[in-house]
Protein backbone atom coordinates (compact mmCIF):
# COMPACT_ATOMS: atom_id res chain seq x y z
CA UNK A 1 -11.27 -11.57 -1.92
CA UNK A 2 -8.87 -10.86 -4.77
CA UNK A 3 -6.72 -7.79 -5.08
CA UNK A 4 -7.41 -5.08 -7.67
CA UNK A 5 -5.46 -5.51 -10.95
CA UNK A 6 -3.27 -2.44 -10.37
CA UNK A 7 -2.18 -3.66 -6.94
CA UNK A 8 -1.50 -7.06 -8.47
CA UNK A 9 0.67 -5.37 -11.09
CA UNK A 10 2.52 -3.41 -8.44
CA UNK A 11 3.11 -6.59 -6.48
CA UNK A 12 4.48 -8.20 -9.60
CA UNK A 13 7.02 -5.41 -9.73
CA UNK A 14 7.98 -6.37 -6.18
CA UNK A 15 8.80 -9.86 -7.42
CA UNK A 16 5.59 -11.65 -6.47
CA UNK A 17 3.94 -13.98 -8.96
CA UNK A 18 0.36 -13.51 -10.07
CA UNK A 19 -0.68 -16.37 -7.79
CA UNK A 20 0.84 -14.50 -4.84
CA UNK A 21 -0.86 -11.18 -5.59
CA UNK A 22 -3.79 -11.32 -3.20
CA UNK A 23 -4.32 -8.84 -0.34
CA UNK A 24 -1.30 -6.88 0.85
CA UNK A 25 -1.15 -5.14 4.22
CA UNK A 26 0.72 -3.94 7.28
CA UNK A 27 -0.85 -4.75 10.65
CA UNK A 28 0.42 -2.89 13.75
CA UNK A 29 -0.11 -4.25 17.26
CA UNK A 30 -1.25 -0.76 18.30
CA UNK A 31 -1.98 2.53 16.53
CA UNK A 32 -2.56 4.85 19.50
CA UNK A 33 -0.25 4.95 22.53
CA UNK A 34 -0.37 7.10 25.64
CA UNK A 35 3.40 6.81 26.10
CA UNK A 36 6.38 5.39 24.14
CA UNK A 37 6.31 1.60 24.06
CA UNK A 38 7.13 -1.19 21.63
CA UNK A 39 4.96 -1.77 18.57
CA UNK A 40 5.10 -4.95 16.47
CA UNK A 41 4.08 -4.77 12.82
CA UNK A 42 3.19 -7.75 10.62
CA UNK A 43 3.54 -7.51 6.83
CA UNK A 44 1.85 -10.06 4.60
CA UNK A 45 0.17 -10.91 1.31
CA UNK A 46 -2.83 -13.08 2.08
CA UNK A 47 -6.25 -14.29 0.97
CA UNK A 48 -7.93 -12.81 4.05
CA UNK A 49 -7.66 -9.66 6.17
CA UNK A 50 -5.65 -9.87 8.48
CA UNK A 51 -4.82 -13.56 8.48
CA UNK A 52 -1.44 -15.08 7.58
CA UNK A 53 -2.11 -17.77 5.00
CA UNK A 54 -0.19 -16.99 1.86
CA UNK A 55 3.09 -15.10 1.50
CA UNK A 56 5.29 -12.60 3.39
CA UNK A 57 5.51 -8.99 2.25
CA UNK A 58 9.23 -8.26 1.99
CA UNK A 59 10.73 -5.40 3.98
CA UNK A 60 13.28 -4.21 1.40
CA UNK A 61 11.52 -0.88 0.92
CA UNK A 62 10.39 -0.27 4.51
CA UNK A 63 10.52 3.29 5.84
CA UNK A 64 9.46 4.39 9.33
CA UNK A 65 9.17 8.17 9.54
CA UNK A 66 9.04 9.94 12.92
CA UNK A 67 6.94 13.08 13.57
CA UNK A 68 9.99 15.31 13.00
CA UNK A 69 10.69 13.69 9.62
CA UNK A 70 13.65 11.58 10.76
CA UNK A 71 13.94 7.89 9.91
CA UNK A 72 13.61 5.15 12.51
CA UNK A 73 15.35 1.80 12.02
CA UNK A 74 13.19 -1.29 12.57
CA UNK A 75 14.21 -3.62 15.38
CA UNK A 76 14.63 -7.36 14.76
CA UNK A 77 13.17 -7.43 11.21
CA UNK A 78 12.39 -10.98 10.11
CA UNK A 79 10.82 -12.58 7.05
CA UNK A 80 9.31 -16.03 7.47
CA UNK A 81 7.27 -18.28 5.21
CA UNK A 82 3.92 -16.55 5.74
CA UNK A 83 4.71 -13.08 7.00
CA UNK A 84 7.40 -10.53 7.75
CA UNK A 85 7.55 -8.85 11.15
CA UNK A 86 9.46 -6.02 12.78
CA UNK A 87 9.36 -3.96 15.96
CA UNK A 88 9.97 -0.29 16.65
CA UNK A 89 9.66 1.93 19.70
CA UNK A 90 8.27 5.39 18.91
CA UNK A 91 10.10 7.74 21.28
CA UNK A 92 8.69 11.07 20.06
CA UNK A 93 5.17 12.31 20.70
CA UNK A 94 3.11 12.58 17.55
CA UNK A 95 2.40 10.39 14.53
CA UNK A 96 4.74 7.90 12.90
CA UNK A 97 4.25 6.88 9.28
CA UNK A 98 5.13 3.22 8.64
CA UNK A 99 5.30 2.41 4.93
CA UNK A 100 6.61 0.00 2.33
CA UNK A 101 7.04 1.93 -0.91
CA UNK A 102 8.10 0.55 -4.26
CA UNK A 103 8.23 2.88 -7.28
CA UNK A 104 9.66 2.45 -10.74
CA UNK A 105 9.39 -1.33 -11.03
CA UNK A 106 8.66 -2.63 -14.52
CA UNK A 107 6.51 -5.39 -15.99
CA UNK A 108 6.92 -6.32 -19.66
CA UNK A 109 4.64 -8.55 -21.75
CA UNK A 110 5.84 -9.69 -25.17
CA UNK A 111 6.28 -12.56 -27.62
CA UNK A 112 9.62 -14.16 -28.30
CA UNK A 113 11.06 -15.11 -31.69
CA UNK A 114 8.89 -18.24 -31.79
CA UNK A 115 5.74 -16.31 -30.99
CA UNK A 116 5.48 -17.63 -27.43
CA UNK A 117 4.04 -15.20 -24.83
CA UNK A 118 6.53 -14.04 -22.22
CA UNK A 119 6.32 -11.95 -19.05
CA UNK A 120 9.26 -10.17 -17.45
CA UNK A 121 9.54 -8.27 -14.17
CA UNK A 122 12.46 -6.22 -12.97
CA UNK A 123 14.18 -2.87 -12.74
CA UNK A 124 14.98 -0.35 -15.48
CA UNK A 125 18.67 -1.17 -15.07
CA UNK A 126 18.07 -4.82 -16.06
CA UNK A 127 15.55 -4.22 -18.86
CA UNK A 128 17.96 -3.96 -21.79
CA UNK A 129 19.93 -7.06 -20.76
CA UNK A 130 16.94 -9.29 -20.01
CA UNK A 131 14.24 -8.27 -22.50
CA UNK A 132 15.10 -9.19 -26.12
CA UNK A 133 15.64 -6.20 -28.40
CA UNK A 134 13.50 -7.91 -31.06
CA UNK A 135 10.58 -8.68 -28.69
CA UNK A 136 7.24 -8.66 -30.53
CA UNK A 137 4.05 -6.96 -29.29
CA UNK A 138 6.01 -5.46 -26.42
CA UNK A 139 4.01 -3.76 -23.66
CA UNK A 140 5.82 -2.22 -20.69
CA UNK A 141 4.13 -1.01 -17.51
CA UNK A 142 5.69 0.99 -14.70
CA UNK A 143 4.34 0.29 -11.22
CA UNK A 144 4.13 2.24 -7.98
CA UNK A 145 2.88 0.78 -4.70
CA UNK A 146 2.57 2.32 -1.23
CA UNK A 147 1.43 0.14 1.70
CA UNK A 148 1.26 1.94 5.03
CA UNK A 149 -0.14 2.40 8.50
CA UNK A 150 0.11 5.07 11.20
CA UNK A 151 1.07 4.96 14.89
CA UNK A 152 0.60 7.90 17.26
CA UNK A 153 2.06 8.56 20.71
CA UNK A 154 -0.04 11.05 22.65
CA UNK A 155 -1.69 13.72 20.51
CA UNK A 156 -1.80 13.08 16.74
CA UNK A 157 0.48 15.28 14.65
CA UNK A 158 0.27 16.38 11.02
CA UNK A 159 1.15 13.88 8.28
CA UNK A 160 3.06 15.47 5.43
CA UNK A 161 2.64 13.73 2.04
CA UNK A 162 5.84 13.01 0.15
CA UNK A 163 4.48 14.36 -3.14
CA UNK A 164 5.40 11.13 -4.92
CA UNK A 165 3.02 8.55 -6.30
CA UNK A 166 -0.44 7.82 -4.92
CA UNK A 167 -0.83 8.62 -1.23
CA UNK A 168 -3.22 9.67 1.51
CA UNK A 169 -3.45 13.31 2.58
CA UNK A 170 -5.50 13.20 5.80
CA UNK A 171 -8.19 15.72 6.65
CA UNK A 172 -9.46 13.59 9.51
CA UNK A 173 -6.42 12.11 11.24
CA UNK A 174 -6.15 8.33 10.64
CA UNK A 175 -5.47 7.78 14.35
CA UNK A 176 -8.62 9.64 15.39
CA UNK A 177 -11.39 7.43 14.01
CA UNK A 178 -14.59 6.31 15.76
CA UNK A 179 -17.54 4.12 14.73
CA UNK A 180 -20.40 5.98 13.09
CA UNK A 181 -18.48 9.24 12.74
CA UNK A 182 -17.71 10.45 9.19
CA UNK A 183 -13.98 10.64 8.44
CA UNK A 184 -12.67 12.69 5.54
CA UNK A 185 -9.44 12.05 3.65
CA UNK A 186 -7.90 13.13 0.36
CA UNK A 187 -5.90 11.23 -2.22
CA UNK A 188 -2.95 12.92 -3.88
CA UNK A 189 -1.20 11.82 -7.06
CA UNK A 190 2.34 13.21 -7.26
CA UNK A 191 1.36 15.91 -4.79
CA UNK A 192 -1.86 16.98 -6.54
CA UNK A 193 -5.49 16.18 -5.60
CA UNK A 194 -6.68 13.11 -7.50
CA UNK A 195 -10.35 13.21 -8.53
CA UNK A 196 -12.55 10.33 -9.61
CA UNK A 197 -10.71 7.50 -7.87
CA UNK A 198 -12.67 4.56 -6.47
CA UNK A 199 -12.13 3.97 -2.75
CA UNK A 200 -12.70 0.62 -1.08
CA UNK A 201 -12.61 -0.07 2.65
CA UNK A 202 -12.99 -3.47 4.30
CA UNK A 203 -13.00 -4.38 7.99
CA UNK A 204 -10.57 -7.14 8.99
CA UNK A 205 -11.70 -10.61 9.95
CA UNK A 206 -13.04 -11.49 6.49
CA UNK A 207 -12.12 -15.13 7.17
CA UNK A 208 -14.83 -15.31 9.79
CA UNK A 209 -17.84 -13.92 7.94
CA UNK A 210 -19.71 -14.81 4.75
CA UNK A 211 -20.05 -11.27 3.40
CA UNK A 212 -17.15 -8.99 2.56
CA UNK A 213 -19.03 -5.88 3.81
CA UNK A 214 -17.04 -3.68 1.45
CA UNK A 215 -17.55 0.09 1.71
CA UNK A 216 -17.20 1.94 -1.59
CA UNK A 217 -16.97 5.63 -2.42
CA UNK A 218 -14.97 7.92 -4.74
CA UNK A 219 -12.85 11.04 -4.56
CA UNK A 220 -14.50 14.34 -5.49
CA UNK A 221 -13.10 17.24 -7.53
CA UNK A 222 -10.80 18.14 -4.62
CA UNK A 223 -9.57 14.57 -4.31
CA UNK A 224 -11.48 14.14 -1.05
CA UNK A 225 -13.68 11.30 0.13
CA UNK A 226 -15.60 10.42 3.29
CA UNK A 227 -15.89 7.07 5.03
CA UNK A 228 -18.17 6.19 7.93
CA UNK A 229 -16.89 3.07 9.64
CA UNK A 230 -19.83 1.06 11.00
CA UNK A 231 -18.00 -0.54 13.92
CA UNK A 232 -14.67 -0.71 15.71
CA UNK A 233 -11.82 -2.72 14.26
CA UNK A 234 -8.92 -2.68 11.84
CA UNK A 235 -9.84 -1.53 8.33
CA UNK A 236 -8.06 -2.00 4.99
CA UNK A 237 -8.32 0.93 2.55
CA UNK A 238 -7.52 0.34 -1.13
CA UNK A 239 -7.14 2.96 -3.90
CA UNK A 240 -5.88 2.47 -7.47
CA UNK A 241 -4.95 4.81 -10.32
CA UNK A 242 -3.16 4.79 -13.65
CA UNK A 243 -1.70 7.41 -15.96
CA UNK A 244 0.95 7.90 -18.64
CA UNK A 245 3.48 9.73 -16.43
CA UNK A 246 6.23 7.16 -16.67
CA UNK A 247 9.92 7.69 -16.05
CA UNK A 248 11.09 4.78 -18.23
CA UNK A 249 10.90 5.65 -21.97
CA UNK A 250 9.56 2.28 -23.14
CA UNK A 251 6.78 2.25 -20.53
CA UNK A 252 3.60 3.86 -21.81
CA UNK A 253 1.46 3.40 -18.71
CA UNK A 254 2.02 3.79 -14.98
CA UNK A 255 -0.08 1.70 -12.60
CA UNK A 256 -0.34 3.01 -9.05
CA UNK A 257 -1.78 1.41 -5.94
CA UNK A 258 -2.25 2.58 -2.38
CA UNK A 259 -3.17 0.49 0.67
CA UNK A 260 -3.56 1.67 4.27
CA UNK A 261 -4.47 -0.07 7.50
CA UNK A 262 -6.30 2.12 10.02
CA UNK A 263 -7.81 1.32 13.40
CA UNK A 264 -11.27 2.44 14.45
CA UNK A 265 -11.53 2.53 18.23
CA UNK A 266 -14.78 2.50 20.25
């Protein structure tokens, strides 16, 4: 199962090579708690869901947001050869948003003075120093990636979108999902409903079955979509978009990707 091109581009902006741009995800040890207790979260880029067999997802842009909007520091963050991992203990009742967000990264494709194809990845601050001023056939893409999951203590609370990039605006709460029951969500792009986006959902454990069992749908005019999860388990939701709303002058296209891990409980 290979990742969509826009997610691959966003991962490139995070410093991963094309060979490393497979499936990206966060996997919490629990999503619904009756009382405050420790949660462990794995972060990885892998060929399968949710199996560690490729590359760790770095934690440089990790943000854990409590129900009251305050930030929570991860405990014992660690990046190994195949995965990153961190713990946190949600003390407040309500829903925590756990996300790795990277926005504004750049990918440039061009030819050097000898006509050889080149690819560069980096930040706007390094562009002028590292990309030749006389680069031929220059194409610059700006990337935005949000990878997240949700953890609730007690009763689920409202999730407030940031208004930046591509993100989920729940109608059905992501910690209140059951097999066979339709769940409705909305996708927002920079705070506005995003229509016509393809949605893909896949249940974890792809390593252990022959068929991917991918669920596909699309956002309507209000940016909303409905998923009916056939059985309990952890599910990976993938949404991509692109537009011309770049913040870097030389970039003509912005590629956005959103990935969420949600748990469907029996």
